[in-house]
Amino acid sequence: MERILNANKEVRERRDQLRHPIHAKPQLKATTPNQVWSWDITKLLGPKKWISIHLSVVIDISSR
């Protein structure tokens, strides 16, 4: 019975399936300095096991 229903497209998923829209990745372009900035924070190990150092960097992407 299942094959006959599938052949006639009588069987489908009972729950409605949502489709996520496809988004384009944003691309930032800097033509002059001070237009677009990027940042990053990294956790580094310290001299002892329980000590960590947070390194934060801010950079102007026009220099890249």
PDB file of N, CA and C in Angstrom:
ATOM      1  N   MET A   1       0.825  -1.190   0.000  1.00  0.00           N
ATOM      2  CA  MET A   1       0.000   0.000   0.000  1.00  0.00           C
ATOM      3  C   MET A   1       0.878   1.267   0.000  1.00  0.00           C
ATOM      4  N   GLU A   2       1.968   1.198   0.774  1.00  0.00           N
ATOM      5  CA  GLU A   2       2.857   2.365   0.857  1.00  0.00           C
ATOM      6  C   GLU A   2       3.454   2.712  -0.505  1.00  0.00           C
ATOM      7  N   ARG A   3       3.860   1.697  -1.274  1.00  0.00           N
ATOM      8  CA  ARG A   3       4.433   1.950  -2.604  1.00  0.00           C
ATOM      9  C   ARG A   3       3.398   2.546  -3.558  1.00  0.00           C
ATOM     10  N   ILE A   4       2.170   2.111  -3.486  1.00  0.00           N
ATOM     11  CA  ILE A   4       1.118   2.635  -4.366  1.00  0.00           C
ATOM     12  C   ILE A   4       0.834   4.094  -4.023  1.00  0.00           C
ATOM     13  N   LEU A   5       0.756   4.393  -2.721  1.00  0.00           N
ATOM     14  CA  LEU A   5       0.516   5.776  -2.313  1.00  0.00           C
ATOM     15  C   LEU A   5       1.682   6.683  -2.703  1.00  0.00           C
ATOM     16  N   ASN A   6       2.915   6.201  -2.540  1.00  0.00           N
ATOM     17  CA  ASN A   6       4.085   6.995  -2.942  1.00  0.00           C
ATOM     18  C   ASN A   6       4.097   7.246  -4.443  1.00  0.00           C
ATOM     19  N   ALA A   7       3.724   6.258  -5.232  1.00  0.00           N
ATOM     20  CA  ALA A   7       3.710   6.412  -6.684  1.00  0.00           C
ATOM     21  C   ALA A   7       2.712   7.480  -7.117  1.00  0.00           C
ATOM     22  N   ASN A   8       1.614   7.606  -6.397  1.00  0.00           N
ATOM     23  CA  ASN A   8       0.601   8.597  -6.732  1.00  0.00           C
ATOM     24  C   ASN A   8       0.747   9.884  -5.931  1.00  0.00           C
ATOM     25  N   LYS A   9       1.844   9.993  -5.198  1.00  0.00           N
ATOM     26  CA  LYS A   9       2.128  11.175  -4.384  1.00  0.00           C
ATOM     27  C   LYS A   9       0.996  11.478  -3.403  1.00  0.00           C
ATOM     28  N   GLU A  10       0.509  10.409  -2.777  1.00  0.00           N
ATOM     29  CA  GLU A  10      -0.560  10.536  -1.796  1.00  0.00           C
ATOM     30  C   GLU A  10      -0.024  10.584  -0.360  1.00  0.00           C
ATOM     31  N   VAL A  11       1.267  10.343  -0.194  1.00  0.00           N
ATOM     32  CA  VAL A  11       1.862  10.311   1.139  1.00  0.00           C
ATOM     33  C   VAL A  11       2.794  11.506   1.273  1.00  0.00           C
ATOM     34  N   ARG A  12       2.682  12.198   2.394  1.00  0.00           N
ATOM     35  CA  ARG A  12       3.584  13.305   2.666  1.00  0.00           C
ATOM     36  C   ARG A  12       3.811  13.392   4.165  1.00  0.00           C
ATOM     37  N   GLU A  13       4.760  14.193   4.568  1.00  0.00           N
ATOM     38  CA  GLU A  13       5.008  14.420   5.990  1.00  0.00           C
ATOM     39  C   GLU A  13       3.796  15.110   6.597  1.00  0.00           C
ATOM     40  N   ARG A  14       3.325  14.627   7.730  1.00  0.00           N
ATOM     41  CA  ARG A  14       2.130  15.189   8.339  1.00  0.00           C
ATOM     42  C   ARG A  14       2.375  16.549   8.975  1.00  0.00           C
ATOM     43  N   ARG A  15       3.600  16.742   9.464  1.00  0.00           N
ATOM     44  CA  ARG A  15       3.915  18.026  10.095  1.00  0.00           C
ATOM     45  C   ARG A  15       4.387  19.008   9.026  1.00  0.00           C
ATOM     46  N   ASP A  16       4.040  20.251   9.192  1.00  0.00           N
ATOM     47  CA  ASP A  16       4.526  21.271   8.272  1.00  0.00           C
ATOM     48  C   ASP A  16       6.019  21.491   8.515  1.00  0.00           C
ATOM     49  N   GLN A  17       6.797  21.499   7.462  1.00  0.00           N
ATOM     50  CA  GLN A  17       8.240  21.677   7.559  1.00  0.00           C
ATOM     51  C   GLN A  17       8.576  23.125   7.206  1.00  0.00           C
ATOM     52  N   LEU A  18       9.271  23.792   8.107  1.00  0.00           N
ATOM     53  CA  LEU A  18       9.674  25.171   7.858  1.00  0.00           C
ATOM     54  C   LEU A  18      10.987  25.199   7.101  1.00  0.00           C
ATOM     55  N   ARG A  19      11.095  26.111   6.187  1.00  0.00           N
ATOM     56  CA  ARG A  19      12.332  26.297   5.432  1.00  0.00           C
ATOM     57  C   ARG A  19      12.967  27.596   5.881  1.00  0.00           C
ATOM     58  N   HIS A  20      14.242  27.531   6.213  1.00  0.00           N
ATOM     59  CA  HIS A  20      14.956  28.740   6.605  1.00  0.00           C
ATOM     60  C   HIS A  20      15.408  29.481   5.354  1.00  0.00           C
ATOM     61  N   PRO A  21      15.213  30.792   5.308  1.00  0.00           N
ATOM     62  CA  PRO A  21      15.652  31.542   4.127  1.00  0.00           C
ATOM     63  C   PRO A  21      17.174  31.583   4.053  1.00  0.00           C
ATOM     64  N   ILE A  22      17.688  31.620   2.857  1.00  0.00           N
ATOM     65  CA  ILE A  22      19.132  31.684   2.636  1.00  0.00           C
ATOM     66  C   ILE A  22      19.546  33.147   2.658  1.00  0.00           C
ATOM     67  N   HIS A  23      20.431  33.484   3.596  1.00  0.00           N
ATOM     68  CA  HIS A  23      20.908  34.850   3.722  1.00  0.00           C
ATOM     69  C   HIS A  23      22.303  34.962   3.113  1.00  0.00           C
ATOM     70  N   ALA A  24      22.553  36.059   2.460  1.00  0.00           N
ATOM     71  CA  ALA A  24      23.885  36.305   1.919  1.00  0.00           C
ATOM     72  C   ALA A  24      24.807  36.742   3.049  1.00  0.00           C
ATOM     73  N   LYS A  25      26.063  36.291   3.006  1.00  0.00           N
ATOM     74  CA  LYS A  25      27.030  36.679   4.020  1.00  0.00           C
ATOM     75  C   LYS A  25      27.382  38.150   3.819  1.00  0.00           C
ATOM     76  N   PRO A  26      27.390  38.922   4.891  1.00  0.00           N
ATOM     77  CA  PRO A  26      27.750  40.331   4.736  1.00  0.00           C
ATOM     78  C   PRO A  26      29.231  40.484   4.409  1.00  0.00           C
ATOM     79  N   GLN A  27      29.523  41.360   3.474  1.00  0.00           N
ATOM     80  CA  GLN A  27      30.907  41.643   3.114  1.00  0.00           C
ATOM     81  C   GLN A  27      31.155  43.126   3.333  1.00  0.00           C
ATOM     82  N   LEU A  28      32.125  43.419   4.159  1.00  0.00           N
ATOM     83  CA  LEU A  28      32.453  44.792   4.479  1.00  0.00           C
ATOM     84  C   LEU A  28      33.669  45.220   3.676  1.00  0.00           C
ATOM     85  N   LYS A  29      33.598  46.395   3.097  1.00  0.00           N
ATOM     86  CA  LYS A  29      34.691  46.894   2.284  1.00  0.00           C
ATOM     87  C   LYS A  29      35.012  48.314   2.732  1.00  0.00           C
ATOM     88  N   ALA A  30      36.270  48.542   3.063  1.00  0.00           N
ATOM     89  CA  ALA A  30      36.711  49.866   3.488  1.00  0.00           C
ATOM     90  C   ALA A  30      37.549  50.470   2.365  1.00  0.00           C
ATOM     91  N   THR A  31      37.144  51.630   1.878  1.00  0.00           N
ATOM     92  CA  THR A  31      37.901  52.300   0.816  1.00  0.00           C
ATOM     93  C   THR A  31      38.883  53.312   1.381  1.00  0.00           C
ATOM     94  N   THR A  32      38.591  53.812   2.577  1.00  0.00           N
ATOM     95  CA  THR A  32      39.499  54.750   3.242  1.00  0.00           C
ATOM     96  C   THR A  32      39.665  54.321   4.709  1.00  0.00           C
ATOM     97  N   PRO A  33      40.721  54.797   5.381  1.00  0.00           N
ATOM     98  CA  PRO A  33      40.902  54.440   6.795  1.00  0.00           C
ATOM     99  C   PRO A  33      39.747  54.955   7.667  1.00  0.00           C
ATOM    100  N   ASN A  34      39.559  54.314   8.798  1.00  0.00           N
ATOM    101  CA  ASN A  34      38.548  54.649   9.804  1.00  0.00           C
ATOM    102  C   ASN A  34      37.106  54.445   9.335  1.00  0.00           C
ATOM    103  N   GLN A  35      36.879  53.576   8.384  1.00  0.00           N
ATOM    104  CA  GLN A  35      35.514  53.274   7.958  1.00  0.00           C
ATOM    105  C   GLN A  35      34.976  52.017   8.636  1.00  0.00           C
ATOM    106  N   VAL A  36      35.774  50.957   8.651  1.00  0.00           N
ATOM    107  CA  VAL A  36      35.334  49.680   9.202  1.00  0.00           C
ATOM    108  C   VAL A  36      36.409  49.157  10.150  1.00  0.00           C
ATOM    109  N   TRP A  37      35.958  48.781  11.361  1.00  0.00           N
ATOM    110  CA  TRP A  37      36.865  48.260  12.373  1.00  0.00           C
ATOM    111  C   TRP A  37      36.449  46.835  12.721  1.00  0.00           C
ATOM    112  N   SER A  38      37.424  46.019  13.076  1.00  0.00           N
ATOM    113  CA  SER A  38      37.175  44.656  13.497  1.00  0.00           C
ATOM    114  C   SER A  38      37.812  44.442  14.866  1.00  0.00           C
ATOM    115  N   TRP A  39      37.264  43.502  15.645  1.00  0.00           N
ATOM    116  CA  TRP A  39      37.797  43.266  16.977  1.00  0.00           C
ATOM    117  C   TRP A  39      37.767  41.779  17.300  1.00  0.00           C
ATOM    118  N   ASP A  40      38.595  41.398  18.262  1.00  0.00           N
ATOM    119  CA  ASP A  40      38.648  40.016  18.715  1.00  0.00           C
ATOM    120  C   ASP A  40      39.132  39.995  20.160  1.00  0.00           C
ATOM    121  N   ILE A  41      38.579  39.082  20.952  1.00  0.00           N
ATOM    122  CA  ILE A  41      39.007  38.880  22.338  1.00  0.00           C
ATOM    123  C   ILE A  41      39.383  37.411  22.487  1.00  0.00           C
ATOM    124  N   THR A  42      40.605  37.181  22.980  1.00  0.00           N
ATOM    125  CA  THR A  42      41.109  35.829  23.157  1.00  0.00           C
ATOM    126  C   THR A  42      41.522  35.624  24.601  1.00  0.00           C
ATOM    127  N   LYS A  43      41.235  34.443  25.137  1.00  0.00           N
ATOM    128  CA  LYS A  43      41.615  34.108  26.508  1.00  0.00           C
ATOM    129  C   LYS A  43      42.905  33.290  26.455  1.00  0.00           C
ATOM    130  N   LEU A  44      43.973  33.805  27.056  1.00  0.00           N
ATOM    131  CA  LEU A  44      45.269  33.139  27.050  1.00  0.00           C
ATOM    132  C   LEU A  44      45.559  32.556  28.426  1.00  0.00           C
ATOM    133  N   LEU A  45      46.322  31.474  28.454  1.00  0.00           N
ATOM    134  CA  LEU A  45      46.723  30.877  29.718  1.00  0.00           C
ATOM    135  C   LEU A  45      47.765  31.753  30.396  1.00  0.00           C
ATOM    136  N   GLY A  46      47.672  31.857  31.711  1.00  0.00           N
ATOM    137  CA  GLY A  46      48.622  32.639  32.479  1.00  0.00           C
ATOM    138  C   GLY A  46      49.744  31.772  33.022  1.00  0.00           C
ATOM    139  N   PRO A  47      50.557  32.324  33.919  1.00  0.00           N
ATOM    140  CA  PRO A  47      51.681  31.569  34.454  1.00  0.00           C
ATOM    141  C   PRO A  47      51.243  30.434  35.391  1.00  0.00           C
ATOM    142  N   LYS A  48      50.078  30.520  35.986  1.00  0.00           N
ATOM    143  CA  LYS A  48      49.552  29.468  36.866  1.00  0.00           C
ATOM    144  C   LYS A  48      48.299  28.872  36.232  1.00  0.00           C
ATOM    145  N   LYS A  49      47.885  27.736  36.740  1.00  0.00           N
ATOM    146  CA  LYS A  49      46.763  27.005  36.153  1.00  0.00           C
ATOM    147  C   LYS A  49      45.455  27.792  36.206  1.00  0.00           C
ATOM    148  N   TRP A  50      45.197  28.520  37.274  1.00  0.00           N
ATOM    149  CA  TRP A  50      43.925  29.224  37.470  1.00  0.00           C
ATOM    150  C   TRP A  50      43.949  30.680  37.011  1.00  0.00           C
ATOM    151  N   ILE A  51      45.062  31.117  36.433  1.00  0.00           N
ATOM    152  CA  ILE A  51      45.179  32.502  35.977  1.00  0.00           C
ATOM    153  C   ILE A  51      45.066  32.539  34.454  1.00  0.00           C
ATOM    154  N   SER A  52      44.232  33.443  33.951  1.00  0.00           N
ATOM    155  CA  SER A  52      44.116  33.626  32.502  1.00  0.00           C
ATOM    156  C   SER A  52      44.189  35.116  32.187  1.00  0.00           C
ATOM    157  N   ILE A  53      44.635  35.410  30.990  1.00  0.00           N
ATOM    158  CA  ILE A  53      44.788  36.786  30.529  1.00  0.00           C
ATOM    159  C   ILE A  53      43.882  36.974  29.319  1.00  0.00           C
ATOM    160  N   HIS A  54      43.127  38.064  29.300  1.00  0.00           N
ATOM    161  CA  HIS A  54      42.267  38.381  28.162  1.00  0.00           C
ATOM    162  C   HIS A  54      42.999  39.353  27.244  1.00  0.00           C
ATOM    163  N   LEU A  55      43.228  38.913  26.011  1.00  0.00           N
ATOM    164  CA  LEU A  55      43.886  39.750  25.009  1.00  0.00           C
ATOM    165  C   LEU A  55      42.817  40.277  24.064  1.00  0.00           C
ATOM    166  N   SER A  56      42.683  41.586  23.981  1.00  0.00           N
ATOM    167  CA  SER A  56      41.709  42.173  23.063  1.00  0.00           C
ATOM    168  C   SER A  56      42.449  42.996  22.016  1.00  0.00           C
ATOM    169  N   VAL A  57      42.000  42.860  20.774  1.00  0.00           N
ATOM    170  CA  VAL A  57      42.634  43.521  19.636  1.00  0.00           C
ATOM    171  C   VAL A  57      41.554  44.234  18.830  1.00  0.00           C
ATOM    172  N   VAL A  58      41.814  45.472  18.464  1.00  0.00           N
ATOM    173  CA  VAL A  58      40.942  46.244  17.569  1.00  0.00           C
ATOM    174  C   VAL A  58      41.799  46.698  16.406  1.00  0.00           C
ATOM    175  N   ILE A  59      41.307  46.450  15.193  1.00  0.00           N
ATOM    176  CA  ILE A  59      42.118  46.763  14.011  1.00  0.00           C
ATOM    177  C   ILE A  59      41.239  47.395  12.926  1.00  0.00           C
ATOM    178  N   ASP A  60      41.804  48.332  12.220  1.00  0.00           N
ATOM    179  CA  ASP A  60      41.148  48.973  11.083  1.00  0.00           C
ATOM    180  C   ASP A  60      41.355  48.074   9.868  1.00  0.00           C
ATOM    181  N   ILE A  61      40.268  47.592   9.236  1.00  0.00           N
ATOM    182  CA  ILE A  61      40.437  46.617   8.157  1.00  0.00           C
ATOM    183  C   ILE A  61      40.922  47.258   6.851  1.00  0.00           C
ATOM    184  N   SER A  62      40.993  48.555   6.766  1.00  0.00           N
ATOM    185  CA  SER A  62      41.508  49.163   5.531  1.00  0.00           C
ATOM    186  C   SER A  62      43.007  48.912   5.396  1.00  0.00           C
ATOM    187  N   SER A  63      43.677  48.571   6.504  1.00  0.00           N
ATOM    188  CA  SER A  63      45.102  48.287   6.439  1.00  0.00           C
ATOM    189  C   SER A  63      45.374  46.852   6.018  1.00  0.00           C
ATOM    190  N   ARG A  64      44.349  46.037   5.889  1.00  0.00           N
ATOM    191  CA  ARG A  64      44.531  44.630   5.517  1.00  0.00           C
ATOM    192  C   ARG A  64      44.449  44.486   4.052  1.00  0.00           C
TER     193      ARG A  64
END
